[in-house]
């Protein structure tokens, strides 16, 4: 059974995402453009979640971090700043998704 982590490192079953619109956020602590973008994405995420709370239909949205961090400590530090879910560090699905979506690593 696949799991995601919430910001408290609690495992969340993938089934809890059924019926939601999912955003995948490919980033890493070492990626400067990602670190600069993360606060903007947090703001947008919070606005979307607030809009959905105010709507009466069952529409929902969730973001999932797909990390390219190089170690657990960097992952934990970076993910702790985010209000959404993440694939666990070193989950092999992260590499599969990165390859599938042709995510290119770059450093500045």
N, C-alpha and C. Protein backbone atom coordinates (compact mmCIF):
# COMPACT_ATOMS: atom_id res chain seq x y z
N UNK A 1 0.84 -1.18 0.00
CA UNK A 1 0.00 0.00 0.00
C UNK A 1 0.88 1.25 0.00
N UNK A 2 0.60 2.15 -0.92
CA UNK A 2 1.38 3.39 -0.99
C UNK A 2 0.92 4.37 0.07
N UNK A 3 1.89 5.14 0.58
CA UNK A 3 1.59 6.16 1.57
C UNK A 3 2.26 7.46 1.18
N UNK A 4 1.72 8.55 1.70
CA UNK A 4 2.33 9.87 1.63
C UNK A 4 2.56 10.30 3.06
N UNK A 5 3.37 11.32 3.23
CA UNK A 5 3.61 11.88 4.55
C UNK A 5 2.95 13.24 4.65
N UNK A 6 2.40 13.55 5.82
CA UNK A 6 1.98 14.92 6.05
C UNK A 6 3.14 15.65 6.73
N UNK A 7 2.97 16.93 7.02
CA UNK A 7 4.08 17.73 7.53
C UNK A 7 4.56 17.29 8.91
N UNK A 8 3.81 16.44 9.59
CA UNK A 8 4.25 15.90 10.88
C UNK A 8 4.85 14.50 10.70
N UNK A 9 5.14 14.12 9.45
CA UNK A 9 5.73 12.83 9.08
C UNK A 9 4.79 11.66 9.41
N UNK A 10 3.50 11.94 9.46
CA UNK A 10 2.51 10.90 9.66
C UNK A 10 2.15 10.31 8.30
N UNK A 11 2.11 8.99 8.20
CA UNK A 11 1.75 8.37 6.93
C UNK A 11 0.27 8.58 6.65
N UNK A 12 0.01 8.93 5.39
CA UNK A 12 -1.35 9.17 4.92
C UNK A 12 -1.59 8.22 3.75
N UNK A 13 -2.61 7.37 3.80
CA UNK A 13 -2.83 6.44 2.69
C UNK A 13 -3.21 7.16 1.41
N UNK A 14 -2.72 6.65 0.30
CA UNK A 14 -3.01 7.24 -1.00
C UNK A 14 -4.52 7.27 -1.25
N UNK A 15 -5.24 6.31 -0.71
CA UNK A 15 -6.69 6.27 -0.89
C UNK A 15 -7.36 7.56 -0.42
N UNK A 16 -6.73 8.26 0.53
CA UNK A 16 -7.32 9.51 1.04
C UNK A 16 -7.29 10.62 -0.01
N UNK A 17 -6.55 10.40 -1.09
CA UNK A 17 -6.46 11.41 -2.16
C UNK A 17 -7.48 11.16 -3.28
N UNK A 18 -8.19 10.04 -3.20
CA UNK A 18 -9.15 9.71 -4.25
C UNK A 18 -10.17 10.83 -4.41
N UNK A 19 -10.42 11.20 -5.67
CA UNK A 19 -11.42 12.22 -5.96
C UNK A 19 -10.91 13.65 -5.85
N UNK A 20 -9.66 13.81 -5.42
CA UNK A 20 -9.10 15.16 -5.30
C UNK A 20 -8.27 15.49 -6.54
N UNK A 21 -8.17 16.76 -6.84
CA UNK A 21 -7.23 17.23 -7.85
C UNK A 21 -5.87 17.28 -7.17
N UNK A 22 -4.86 16.66 -7.78
CA UNK A 22 -3.54 16.54 -7.17
C UNK A 22 -2.53 17.34 -7.97
N UNK A 23 -1.74 18.16 -7.26
CA UNK A 23 -0.60 18.85 -7.85
C UNK A 23 0.67 18.18 -7.37
N UNK A 24 1.57 17.87 -8.28
CA UNK A 24 2.87 17.30 -7.92
C UNK A 24 3.90 18.42 -7.94
N UNK A 25 4.62 18.58 -6.85
CA UNK A 25 5.64 19.62 -6.74
C UNK A 25 7.01 18.96 -6.71
N UNK A 26 7.73 19.05 -7.82
CA UNK A 26 9.07 18.48 -7.93
C UNK A 26 10.06 19.53 -7.46
N UNK A 27 10.75 19.24 -6.37
CA UNK A 27 11.70 20.22 -5.83
C UNK A 27 12.69 19.50 -4.92
N UNK A 28 13.66 20.28 -4.43
CA UNK A 28 14.67 19.76 -3.50
C UNK A 28 15.26 20.93 -2.74
N UNK A 29 15.75 20.65 -1.55
CA UNK A 29 16.34 21.68 -0.69
C UNK A 29 17.51 22.37 -1.37
N UNK A 30 18.28 21.64 -2.17
CA UNK A 30 19.47 22.19 -2.82
C UNK A 30 19.13 23.03 -4.07
N UNK A 31 17.87 23.00 -4.50
CA UNK A 31 17.47 23.69 -5.73
C UNK A 31 17.07 25.13 -5.40
N UNK A 32 17.92 26.08 -5.71
CA UNK A 32 17.66 27.48 -5.37
C UNK A 32 16.37 28.01 -6.00
N UNK A 33 16.10 27.77 -7.29
CA UNK A 33 14.82 28.25 -7.84
C UNK A 33 13.62 27.66 -7.10
N UNK A 34 13.71 26.39 -6.71
CA UNK A 34 12.63 25.77 -5.95
C UNK A 34 12.46 26.42 -4.59
N UNK A 35 13.56 26.67 -3.91
CA UNK A 35 13.48 27.30 -2.58
C UNK A 35 12.89 28.70 -2.68
N UNK A 36 13.19 29.40 -3.77
CA UNK A 36 12.61 30.74 -3.95
C UNK A 36 11.13 30.67 -4.28
N UNK A 37 10.72 29.62 -5.01
CA UNK A 37 9.34 29.48 -5.44
C UNK A 37 8.43 28.93 -4.34
N UNK A 38 8.98 28.12 -3.44
CA UNK A 38 8.16 27.45 -2.43
C UNK A 38 7.27 28.41 -1.63
N UNK A 39 7.76 29.54 -1.12
CA UNK A 39 6.87 30.44 -0.37
C UNK A 39 5.70 30.96 -1.22
N UNK A 40 5.94 31.19 -2.51
CA UNK A 40 4.87 31.64 -3.39
C UNK A 40 3.83 30.53 -3.57
N UNK A 41 4.32 29.30 -3.73
CA UNK A 41 3.42 28.18 -3.90
C UNK A 41 2.61 27.93 -2.63
N UNK A 42 3.23 28.10 -1.46
CA UNK A 42 2.51 27.96 -0.19
C UNK A 42 1.35 28.96 -0.14
N UNK A 43 1.59 30.19 -0.53
CA UNK A 43 0.56 31.21 -0.53
C UNK A 43 -0.59 30.83 -1.47
N UNK A 44 -0.27 30.38 -2.66
CA UNK A 44 -1.28 29.98 -3.64
C UNK A 44 -2.06 28.77 -3.12
N UNK A 45 -1.34 27.80 -2.56
CA UNK A 45 -1.96 26.60 -2.00
C UNK A 45 -2.97 26.98 -0.92
N UNK A 46 -2.57 27.86 -0.02
CA UNK A 46 -3.47 28.26 1.06
C UNK A 46 -4.70 28.99 0.53
N UNK A 47 -4.52 29.81 -0.51
CA UNK A 47 -5.67 30.51 -1.12
C UNK A 47 -6.63 29.52 -1.77
N UNK A 48 -6.08 28.52 -2.48
CA UNK A 48 -6.93 27.51 -3.11
C UNK A 48 -7.70 26.74 -2.05
N UNK A 49 -7.01 26.30 -1.00
CA UNK A 49 -7.67 25.54 0.06
C UNK A 49 -8.78 26.37 0.71
N UNK A 50 -8.54 27.66 0.93
CA UNK A 50 -9.55 28.53 1.53
C UNK A 50 -10.75 28.69 0.60
N UNK A 51 -10.48 28.86 -0.70
CA UNK A 51 -11.57 28.96 -1.68
C UNK A 51 -12.43 27.71 -1.65
N UNK A 52 -11.80 26.54 -1.55
CA UNK A 52 -12.54 25.29 -1.57
C UNK A 52 -13.37 25.11 -0.30
N UNK A 53 -12.87 25.62 0.83
CA UNK A 53 -13.63 25.56 2.08
C UNK A 53 -14.92 26.36 1.95
N UNK A 54 -14.85 27.47 1.22
CA UNK A 54 -16.00 28.36 1.08
C UNK A 54 -17.02 27.85 0.06
N UNK A 55 -16.62 26.89 -0.80
CA UNK A 55 -17.54 26.33 -1.79
C UNK A 55 -18.37 25.24 -1.15
N UNK A 56 -19.54 25.01 -1.72
CA UNK A 56 -20.44 24.00 -1.14
C UNK A 56 -20.30 22.63 -1.81
N UNK A 57 -19.63 22.53 -2.95
CA UNK A 57 -19.50 21.22 -3.60
C UNK A 57 -18.35 20.42 -2.97
N UNK A 58 -18.14 19.23 -3.47
CA UNK A 58 -17.16 18.32 -2.87
C UNK A 58 -15.78 18.43 -3.50
N UNK A 59 -15.53 19.46 -4.26
CA UNK A 59 -14.23 19.61 -4.92
C UNK A 59 -13.13 19.77 -3.87
N UNK A 60 -12.00 19.11 -4.10
CA UNK A 60 -10.88 19.25 -3.17
C UNK A 60 -9.58 19.17 -3.96
N UNK A 61 -8.51 19.64 -3.34
CA UNK A 61 -7.21 19.77 -3.98
C UNK A 61 -6.13 19.41 -2.96
N UNK A 62 -5.09 18.77 -3.43
CA UNK A 62 -3.94 18.50 -2.57
C UNK A 62 -2.66 18.56 -3.38
N UNK A 63 -1.61 19.01 -2.73
CA UNK A 63 -0.28 19.09 -3.32
C UNK A 63 0.58 17.99 -2.70
N UNK A 64 1.46 17.39 -3.51
CA UNK A 64 2.35 16.34 -3.03
C UNK A 64 3.77 16.67 -3.49
N UNK A 65 4.68 16.80 -2.53
CA UNK A 65 6.09 17.02 -2.86
C UNK A 65 6.70 15.73 -3.37
N UNK A 66 7.37 15.83 -4.52
CA UNK A 66 8.18 14.74 -5.05
C UNK A 66 9.62 15.25 -4.96
N UNK A 67 10.33 14.76 -3.96
CA UNK A 67 11.63 15.32 -3.61
C UNK A 67 12.78 14.68 -4.37
N UNK A 68 13.76 15.51 -4.69
CA UNK A 68 15.04 15.03 -5.21
C UNK A 68 16.15 15.32 -4.21
N UNK A 69 15.79 15.45 -2.94
CA UNK A 69 16.80 15.70 -1.92
C UNK A 69 17.78 14.54 -1.84
N UNK A 70 18.98 14.85 -1.40
CA UNK A 70 20.06 13.85 -1.42
C UNK A 70 20.19 13.08 -0.12
N UNK A 71 19.56 13.56 0.94
CA UNK A 71 19.60 12.81 2.19
C UNK A 71 18.35 13.13 3.01
N UNK A 72 18.11 12.28 4.01
CA UNK A 72 16.91 12.40 4.83
C UNK A 72 16.86 13.73 5.58
N UNK A 73 18.03 14.20 6.06
CA UNK A 73 18.07 15.44 6.83
C UNK A 73 17.63 16.63 5.97
N UNK A 74 18.12 16.71 4.74
CA UNK A 74 17.74 17.81 3.85
C UNK A 74 16.24 17.72 3.52
N UNK A 75 15.76 16.51 3.25
CA UNK A 75 14.34 16.31 2.99
C UNK A 75 13.49 16.78 4.17
N UNK A 76 13.86 16.33 5.37
CA UNK A 76 13.09 16.68 6.57
C UNK A 76 13.06 18.19 6.79
N UNK A 77 14.21 18.83 6.60
CA UNK A 77 14.30 20.27 6.81
C UNK A 77 13.43 21.03 5.80
N UNK A 78 13.55 20.66 4.54
CA UNK A 78 12.82 21.36 3.48
C UNK A 78 11.33 21.09 3.59
N UNK A 79 10.94 19.83 3.75
CA UNK A 79 9.54 19.46 3.80
C UNK A 79 8.84 20.07 5.02
N UNK A 80 9.57 20.29 6.10
CA UNK A 80 8.96 20.85 7.31
C UNK A 80 8.44 22.27 7.09
N UNK A 81 8.85 22.93 6.00
CA UNK A 81 8.38 24.28 5.70
C UNK A 81 7.08 24.28 4.90
N UNK A 82 6.61 23.08 4.51
CA UNK A 82 5.50 22.98 3.57
C UNK A 82 4.22 22.49 4.25
N UNK A 83 3.05 23.01 3.84
CA UNK A 83 1.79 22.60 4.47
C UNK A 83 1.11 21.41 3.80
N UNK A 84 1.71 20.83 2.77
CA UNK A 84 1.07 19.75 2.02
C UNK A 84 1.71 18.40 2.30
N UNK A 85 1.42 17.43 1.46
CA UNK A 85 1.92 16.07 1.62
C UNK A 85 3.21 15.87 0.83
N UNK A 86 3.88 14.74 1.06
CA UNK A 86 5.08 14.39 0.31
C UNK A 86 5.17 12.88 0.18
N UNK A 87 5.79 12.44 -0.90
CA UNK A 87 6.20 11.05 -0.95
C UNK A 87 7.34 10.90 0.06
N UNK A 88 7.42 9.78 0.77
CA UNK A 88 8.52 9.60 1.72
C UNK A 88 9.88 9.70 1.01
N UNK A 89 10.90 10.15 1.75
CA UNK A 89 12.24 10.28 1.20
C UNK A 89 12.69 8.93 0.64
N UNK A 90 13.29 8.97 -0.54
CA UNK A 90 13.85 7.80 -1.22
C UNK A 90 12.79 6.79 -1.66
N UNK A 91 11.52 7.19 -1.68
CA UNK A 91 10.49 6.31 -2.22
C UNK A 91 10.80 6.11 -3.70
N UNK A 92 10.89 4.88 -4.18
CA UNK A 92 11.24 4.65 -5.59
C UNK A 92 10.25 5.27 -6.57
N UNK A 93 9.03 5.52 -6.12
CA UNK A 93 8.05 6.16 -7.00
C UNK A 93 8.49 7.58 -7.37
N UNK A 94 9.26 8.24 -6.48
CA UNK A 94 9.76 9.59 -6.79
C UNK A 94 10.59 9.58 -8.06
N UNK A 95 11.49 8.62 -8.16
CA UNK A 95 12.33 8.53 -9.36
C UNK A 95 11.49 8.21 -10.59
N UNK A 96 10.50 7.33 -10.44
CA UNK A 96 9.63 7.00 -11.57
C UNK A 96 8.86 8.22 -12.05
N UNK A 97 8.32 9.01 -11.12
CA UNK A 97 7.58 10.21 -11.50
C UNK A 97 8.49 11.25 -12.14
N UNK A 98 9.69 11.41 -11.58
CA UNK A 98 10.65 12.37 -12.13
C UNK A 98 11.00 12.00 -13.57
N UNK A 99 11.18 10.72 -13.81
CA UNK A 99 11.50 10.25 -15.17
C UNK A 99 10.27 10.41 -16.08
N UNK A 100 9.11 10.00 -15.60
CA UNK A 100 7.89 10.06 -16.41
C UNK A 100 7.59 11.48 -16.88
N UNK A 101 7.75 12.46 -15.97
CA UNK A 101 7.46 13.85 -16.31
C UNK A 101 8.69 14.59 -16.86
N UNK A 102 9.78 13.85 -17.08
CA UNK A 102 11.01 14.40 -17.66
C UNK A 102 11.51 15.63 -16.89
N UNK A 103 11.56 15.51 -15.58
CA UNK A 103 12.04 16.60 -14.72
C UNK A 103 13.56 16.65 -14.81
N UNK A 104 14.07 17.82 -15.14
CA UNK A 104 15.51 18.02 -15.28
C UNK A 104 16.07 18.67 -14.03
N UNK A 105 17.11 18.08 -13.47
CA UNK A 105 17.76 18.69 -12.31
C UNK A 105 18.68 19.80 -12.80
N UNK A 106 18.63 20.92 -12.12
CA UNK A 106 19.59 21.97 -12.41
C UNK A 106 19.89 22.73 -11.14
N UNK A 107 21.10 23.22 -11.06
CA UNK A 107 21.53 23.99 -9.90
C UNK A 107 21.99 25.35 -10.37
N UNK A 108 21.75 26.34 -9.53
CA UNK A 108 22.15 27.70 -9.86
C UNK A 108 23.21 28.14 -8.89
